[in-house]
PDB file of all heavy atoms in Angstrom:
ATOM      1  N   GLY A   1      47.157 -17.408   1.511  1.00  0.00           N
ATOM      2  CA  GLY A   1      48.190 -16.895   0.646  1.00  0.00           C
ATOM      3  C   GLY A   1      49.011 -15.826   1.366  1.00  0.00           C
ATOM      4  O   GLY A   1      50.161 -15.610   0.917  1.00  0.00           O
ATOM      5  N   ARG A   2      48.508 -15.127   2.242  1.00  0.00           N
ATOM      6  CA  ARG A   2      49.163 -14.075   3.086  1.00  0.00           C
ATOM      7  C   ARG A   2      48.277 -13.824   4.234  1.00  0.00           C
ATOM      8  O   ARG A   2      47.057 -14.053   4.320  1.00  0.00           O
ATOM      9  CB  ARG A   2      49.531 -12.806   2.213  1.00  0.00           C
ATOM     10  CG  ARG A   2      48.295 -12.117   1.742  1.00  0.00           C
ATOM     11  CD  ARG A   2      48.749 -10.695   1.252  1.00  0.00           C
ATOM     12  NE  ARG A   2      49.194  -9.821   2.333  1.00  0.00           N
ATOM     13  CZ  ARG A   2      49.700  -8.588   2.150  1.00  0.00           C
ATOM     14  NH1 ARG A   2      50.016  -8.228   0.920  1.00  0.00           N
ATOM     15  NH2 ARG A   2      50.140  -7.912   3.211  1.00  0.00           N
ATOM     16  N   THR A   3      48.975 -13.187   5.302  1.00  0.00           N
ATOM     17  CA  THR A   3      48.205 -12.755   6.445  1.00  0.00           C
ATOM     18  C   THR A   3      47.775 -11.366   6.166  1.00  0.00           C
ATOM     19  O   THR A   3      48.400 -10.508   5.661  1.00  0.00           O
ATOM     20  CB  THR A   3      49.082 -12.853   7.750  1.00  0.00           C
ATOM     21  OG1 THR A   3      48.270 -12.477   8.735  1.00  0.00           O
ATOM     22  CG2 THR A   3      50.274 -11.986   7.627  1.00  0.00           C
ATOM     23  N   PHE A   4      46.571 -11.057   6.707  1.00  0.00           N
ATOM     24  CA  PHE A   4      46.003  -9.752   6.714  1.00  0.00           C
ATOM     25  C   PHE A   4      45.790  -9.126   8.135  1.00  0.00           C
ATOM     26  O   PHE A   4      45.099  -8.208   8.194  1.00  0.00           O
ATOM     27  CB  PHE A   4      44.587  -9.732   5.963  1.00  0.00           C
ATOM     28  CG  PHE A   4      44.722  -9.988   4.492  1.00  0.00           C
ATOM     29  CD1 PHE A   4      44.524 -11.153   3.828  1.00  0.00           C
ATOM     30  CD2 PHE A   4      45.229  -8.913   3.641  1.00  0.00           C
ATOM     31  CE1 PHE A   4      44.686 -11.460   2.597  1.00  0.00           C
ATOM     32  CE2 PHE A   4      45.403  -9.138   2.229  1.00  0.00           C
ATOM     33  CZ  PHE A   4      45.131 -10.394   1.766  1.00  0.00           C
ATOM     34  N   SER A   5      46.442  -9.820   9.003  1.00  0.00           N
ATOM     35  CA  SER A   5      46.262  -9.339  10.443  1.00  0.00           C
ATOM     36  C   SER A   5      46.736  -7.836  10.698  1.00  0.00           C
ATOM     37  O   SER A   5      46.314  -7.272  11.775  1.00  0.00           O
ATOM     38  CB  SER A   5      46.984 -10.200  11.382  1.00  0.00           C
ATOM     39  OG  SER A   5      48.415 -10.251  11.115  1.00  0.00           O
ATOM     40  N   ARG A   6      47.504  -7.327   9.814  1.00  0.00           N
ATOM     41  CA  ARG A   6      47.970  -5.977   9.980  1.00  0.00           C
ATOM     42  C   ARG A   6      47.232  -5.002   9.091  1.00  0.00           C
ATOM     43  O   ARG A   6      47.591  -3.811   9.002  1.00  0.00           O
ATOM     44  CB  ARG A   6      49.502  -5.881   9.780  1.00  0.00           C
ATOM     45  CG  ARG A   6      50.272  -6.789  10.716  1.00  0.00           C
ATOM     46  CD  ARG A   6      51.700  -6.654  10.460  1.00  0.00           C
ATOM     47  NE  ARG A   6      52.155  -7.111   9.155  1.00  0.00           N
ATOM     48  CZ  ARG A   6      52.581  -8.313   9.024  1.00  0.00           C
ATOM     49  NH1 ARG A   6      52.552  -9.292  10.048  1.00  0.00           N
ATOM     50  NH2 ARG A   6      52.982  -8.756   7.788  1.00  0.00           N
ATOM     51  N   HIS A   7      46.230  -5.412   8.298  1.00  0.00           N
ATOM     52  CA  HIS A   7      45.539  -4.599   7.308  1.00  0.00           C
ATOM     53  C   HIS A   7      44.087  -4.553   7.581  1.00  0.00           C
ATOM     54  O   HIS A   7      43.487  -5.360   8.071  1.00  0.00           O
ATOM     55  CB  HIS A   7      45.983  -5.282   5.920  1.00  0.00           C
ATOM     56  CG  HIS A   7      47.292  -5.352   5.632  1.00  0.00           C
ATOM     57  ND1 HIS A   7      48.001  -4.305   5.008  1.00  0.00           N
ATOM     58  CD2 HIS A   7      48.347  -6.244   5.883  1.00  0.00           C
ATOM     59  CE1 HIS A   7      49.250  -4.614   4.835  1.00  0.00           C
ATOM     60  NE2 HIS A   7      49.441  -5.740   5.390  1.00  0.00           N
ATOM     61  N   VAL A   8      43.543  -3.576   6.839  1.00  0.00           N
ATOM     62  CA  VAL A   8      42.099  -3.355   6.900  1.00  0.00           C
ATOM     63  C   VAL A   8      41.400  -4.343   5.977  1.00  0.00           C
ATOM     64  O   VAL A   8      41.924  -4.815   4.871  1.00  0.00           O
ATOM     65  CB  VAL A   8      41.681  -1.960   6.250  1.00  0.00           C
ATOM     66  CG1 VAL A   8      40.195  -1.888   6.060  1.00  0.00           C
ATOM     67  CG2 VAL A   8      42.193  -0.846   7.181  1.00  0.00           C
ATOM     68  N   MET A   9      40.226  -4.908   6.390  1.00  0.00           N
ATOM     69  CA  MET A   9      39.374  -5.739   5.636  1.00  0.00           C
ATOM     70  C   MET A   9      38.005  -5.208   5.697  1.00  0.00           C
ATOM     71  O   MET A   9      37.577  -4.553   6.474  1.00  0.00           O
ATOM     72  CB  MET A   9      39.419  -7.233   6.134  1.00  0.00           C
ATOM     73  CG  MET A   9      40.822  -7.827   6.156  1.00  0.00           C
ATOM     74  SD  MET A   9      40.857  -9.532   6.626  1.00  0.00           S
ATOM     75  CE  MET A   9      40.218 -10.259   5.137  1.00  0.00           C
ATOM     76  N   GLY A  10      37.268  -5.610   4.596  1.00  0.00           N
ATOM     77  CA  GLY A  10      35.896  -5.007   4.457  1.00  0.00           C
ATOM     78  C   GLY A  10      34.902  -5.934   3.713  1.00  0.00           C
ATOM     79  O   GLY A  10      35.348  -6.916   3.176  1.00  0.00           O
ATOM     80  N   TRP A  11      33.691  -5.381   3.603  1.00  0.00           N
ATOM     81  CA  TRP A  11      32.648  -6.112   2.931  1.00  0.00           C
ATOM     82  C   TRP A  11      31.933  -5.032   1.993  1.00  0.00           C
ATOM     83  O   TRP A  11      31.670  -3.902   2.367  1.00  0.00           O
ATOM     84  CB  TRP A  11      31.557  -6.703   3.854  1.00  0.00           C
ATOM     85  CG  TRP A  11      32.041  -7.864   4.595  1.00  0.00           C
ATOM     86  CD1 TRP A  11      32.647  -7.900   5.827  1.00  0.00           C
ATOM     87  CD2 TRP A  11      32.000  -9.224   4.132  1.00  0.00           C
ATOM     88  NE1 TRP A  11      32.881  -9.164   6.210  1.00  0.00           N
ATOM     89  CE2 TRP A  11      32.547  -9.979   5.102  1.00  0.00           C
ATOM     90  CE3 TRP A  11      31.526  -9.835   2.946  1.00  0.00           C
ATOM     91  CZ2 TRP A  11      32.658 -11.455   5.104  1.00  0.00           C
ATOM     92  CZ3 TRP A  11      31.653 -11.223   2.810  1.00  0.00           C
ATOM     93  CH2 TRP A  11      32.176 -12.005   3.921  1.00  0.00           C
ATOM     94  N   PHE A  12      31.770  -5.501   0.796  1.00  0.00           N
ATOM     95  CA  PHE A  12      30.924  -4.636  -0.184  1.00  0.00           C
ATOM     96  C   PHE A  12      29.865  -5.576  -0.795  1.00  0.00           C
ATOM     97  O   PHE A  12      29.791  -6.718  -0.492  1.00  0.00           O
ATOM     98  CB  PHE A  12      31.969  -4.245  -1.426  1.00  0.00           C
ATOM     99  CG  PHE A  12      32.902  -3.233  -0.996  1.00  0.00           C
ATOM    100  CD1 PHE A  12      33.966  -3.516  -0.212  1.00  0.00           C
ATOM    101  CD2 PHE A  12      32.744  -1.908  -1.492  1.00  0.00           C
ATOM    102  CE1 PHE A  12      34.909  -2.516   0.137  1.00  0.00           C
ATOM    103  CE2 PHE A  12      33.586  -0.960  -1.181  1.00  0.00           C
ATOM    104  CZ  PHE A  12      34.711  -1.270  -0.336  1.00  0.00           C
ATOM    105  N   ARG A  13      28.883  -4.936  -1.487  1.00  0.00           N
ATOM    106  CA  ARG A  13      27.828  -5.688  -2.038  1.00  0.00           C
ATOM    107  C   ARG A  13      27.428  -5.055  -3.361  1.00  0.00           C
ATOM    108  O   ARG A  13      27.643  -3.911  -3.626  1.00  0.00           O
ATOM    109  CB  ARG A  13      26.599  -5.724  -1.232  1.00  0.00           C
ATOM    110  CG  ARG A  13      25.882  -4.396  -0.789  1.00  0.00           C
ATOM    111  CD  ARG A  13      24.839  -4.552   0.204  1.00  0.00           C
ATOM    112  NE  ARG A  13      24.127  -3.463   0.505  1.00  0.00           N
ATOM    113  CZ  ARG A  13      23.229  -3.182   1.499  1.00  0.00           C
ATOM    114  NH1 ARG A  13      22.912  -4.277   2.311  1.00  0.00           N
ATOM    115  NH2 ARG A  13      22.653  -2.027   1.680  1.00  0.00           N
ATOM    116  N   GLN A  14      26.811  -5.862  -4.291  1.00  0.00           N
ATOM    117  CA  GLN A  14      26.493  -5.443  -5.503  1.00  0.00           C
ATOM    118  C   GLN A  14      25.153  -6.091  -5.879  1.00  0.00           C
ATOM    119  O   GLN A  14      25.080  -7.332  -6.003  1.00  0.00           O
ATOM    120  CB  GLN A  14      27.504  -5.719  -6.564  1.00  0.00           C
ATOM    121  CG  GLN A  14      27.204  -5.092  -7.969  1.00  0.00           C
ATOM    122  CD  GLN A  14      28.450  -5.136  -8.853  1.00  0.00           C
ATOM    123  OE1 GLN A  14      29.369  -5.903  -8.573  1.00  0.00           O
ATOM    124  NE2 GLN A  14      28.429  -4.337  -9.925  1.00  0.00           N
ATOM    125  N   ALA A  15      24.146  -5.242  -6.084  1.00  0.00           N
ATOM    126  CA  ALA A  15      22.797  -5.714  -6.542  1.00  0.00           C
ATOM    127  C   ALA A  15      22.752  -5.632  -8.141  1.00  0.00           C
ATOM    128  O   ALA A  15      23.531  -4.835  -8.676  1.00  0.00           O
ATOM    129  CB  ALA A  15      21.649  -4.952  -5.884  1.00  0.00           C
ATOM    130  N   PRO A  16      21.832  -6.459  -8.794  1.00  0.00           N
ATOM    131  CA  PRO A  16      21.839  -6.412 -10.193  1.00  0.00           C
ATOM    132  C   PRO A  16      21.524  -5.001 -10.621  1.00  0.00           C
ATOM    133  O   PRO A  16      20.624  -4.302 -10.114  1.00  0.00           O
ATOM    134  CB  PRO A  16      20.712  -7.274 -10.538  1.00  0.00           C
ATOM    135  CG  PRO A  16      20.660  -8.295  -9.368  1.00  0.00           C
ATOM    136  CD  PRO A  16      21.068  -7.490  -8.203  1.00  0.00           C
ATOM    137  N   GLY A  17      22.364  -4.546 -11.665  1.00  0.00           N
ATOM    138  CA  GLY A  17      22.189  -3.187 -12.201  1.00  0.00           C
ATOM    139  C   GLY A  17      22.767  -2.097 -11.415  1.00  0.00           C
ATOM    140  O   GLY A  17      22.703  -0.887 -11.851  1.00  0.00           O
ATOM    141  N   ASN A  18      23.328  -2.430 -10.268  1.00  0.00           N
ATOM    142  CA  ASN A  18      23.900  -1.308  -9.356  1.00  0.00           C
ATOM    143  C   ASN A  18      25.363  -1.525  -9.397  1.00  0.00           C
ATOM    144  O   ASN A  18      25.993  -2.579  -9.630  1.00  0.00           O
ATOM    145  CB  ASN A  18      23.350  -1.455  -8.013  1.00  0.00           C
ATOM    146  CG  ASN A  18      21.851  -1.132  -7.985  1.00  0.00           C
ATOM    147  OD1 ASN A  18      21.306  -0.667  -8.898  1.00  0.00           O
ATOM    148  ND2 ASN A  18      21.225  -1.339  -6.746  1.00  0.00           N
ATOM    149  N   GLU A  19      26.033  -0.451  -9.017  1.00  0.00           N
ATOM    150  CA  GLU A  19      27.437  -0.485  -8.781  1.00  0.00           C
ATOM    151  C   GLU A  19      27.844  -1.167  -7.474  1.00  0.00           C
ATOM    152  O   GLU A  19      26.934  -1.282  -6.504  1.00  0.00           O
ATOM    153  CB  GLU A  19      28.105   1.045  -8.732  1.00  0.00           C
ATOM    154  CG  GLU A  19      28.011   1.617 -10.074  1.00  0.00           C
ATOM    155  CD  GLU A  19      28.695   2.930 -10.115  1.00  0.00           C
ATOM    156  OE1 GLU A  19      29.087   3.446  -8.902  1.00  0.00           O
ATOM    157  OE2 GLU A  19      28.832   3.565 -11.069  1.00  0.00           O
ATOM    158  N   ARG A  20      29.039  -1.640  -7.363  1.00  0.00           N
ATOM    159  CA  ARG A  20      29.378  -2.295  -6.025  1.00  0.00           C
ATOM    160  C   ARG A  20      29.460  -1.221  -4.941  1.00  0.00           C
ATOM    161  O   ARG A  20      30.025  -0.141  -5.187  1.00  0.00           O
ATOM    162  CB  ARG A  20      30.802  -2.999  -6.212  1.00  0.00           C
ATOM    163  CG  ARG A  20      31.176  -3.799  -5.050  1.00  0.00           C
ATOM    164  CD  ARG A  20      32.368  -4.706  -5.351  1.00  0.00           C
ATOM    165  NE  ARG A  20      32.053  -5.550  -6.462  1.00  0.00           N
ATOM    166  CZ  ARG A  20      32.972  -6.517  -6.927  1.00  0.00           C
ATOM    167  NH1 ARG A  20      34.167  -6.712  -6.239  1.00  0.00           N
ATOM    168  NH2 ARG A  20      32.621  -7.337  -7.848  1.00  0.00           N
ATOM    169  N   GLU A  21      28.931  -1.422  -3.782  1.00  0.00           N
ATOM    170  CA  GLU A  21      28.874  -0.469  -2.767  1.00  0.00           C
ATOM    171  C   GLU A  21      29.451  -0.971  -1.503  1.00  0.00           C
ATOM    172  O   GLU A  21      29.389  -2.127  -1.143  1.00  0.00           O
ATOM    173  CB  GLU A  21      27.464   0.033  -2.576  1.00  0.00           C
ATOM    174  CG  GLU A  21      26.526  -1.043  -1.937  1.00  0.00           C
ATOM    175  CD  GLU A  21      25.172  -0.401  -1.529  1.00  0.00           C
ATOM    176  OE1 GLU A  21      24.975   0.776  -1.738  1.00  0.00           O
ATOM    177  OE2 GLU A  21      24.317  -1.220  -1.016  1.00  0.00           O
ATOM    178  N   PHE A  22      29.890   0.079  -0.739  1.00  0.00           N
ATOM    179  CA  PHE A  22      30.581  -0.320   0.563  1.00  0.00           C
ATOM    180  C   PHE A  22      29.467  -0.738   1.623  1.00  0.00           C
ATOM    181  O   PHE A  22      28.457  -0.117   1.552  1.00  0.00           O
ATOM    182  CB  PHE A  22      31.318   0.985   1.117  1.00  0.00           C
ATOM    183  CG  PHE A  22      31.698   0.886   2.512  1.00  0.00           C
ATOM    184  CD1 PHE A  22      32.900   0.118   2.737  1.00  0.00           C
ATOM    185  CD2 PHE A  22      31.084   1.537   3.547  1.00  0.00           C
ATOM    186  CE1 PHE A  22      33.376  -0.019   4.058  1.00  0.00           C
ATOM    187  CE2 PHE A  22      31.522   1.399   4.826  1.00  0.00           C
ATOM    188  CZ  PHE A  22      32.646   0.712   5.123  1.00  0.00           C
ATOM    189  N   VAL A  23      29.852  -1.692   2.486  1.00  0.00           N
ATOM    190  CA  VAL A  23      28.988  -2.132   3.477  1.00  0.00           C
ATOM    191  C   VAL A  23      29.607  -1.852   4.784  1.00  0.00           C
ATOM    192  O   VAL A  23      29.030  -1.189   5.709  1.00  0.00           O
ATOM    193  CB  VAL A  23      28.598  -3.576   3.353  1.00  0.00           C
ATOM    194  CG1 VAL A  23      27.638  -4.090   4.515  1.00  0.00           C
ATOM    195  CG2 VAL A  23      27.878  -3.884   2.014  1.00  0.00           C
ATOM    196  N   ALA A  24      30.823  -2.414   5.050  1.00  0.00           N
ATOM    197  CA  ALA A  24      31.431  -2.245   6.299  1.00  0.00           C
ATOM    198  C   ALA A  24      32.861  -2.620   6.259  1.00  0.00           C
ATOM    199  O   ALA A  24      33.343  -3.296   5.275  1.00  0.00           O
ATOM    200  CB  ALA A  24      30.812  -3.182   7.387  1.00  0.00           C
TER     201      ALA A  24
END
């Protein structure tokens, strides 16, 4: 839908009962 080659990308994770947290 668009290119992200000029932008930051990342990974987050969320375990049951926890808030979404930063990974990388």
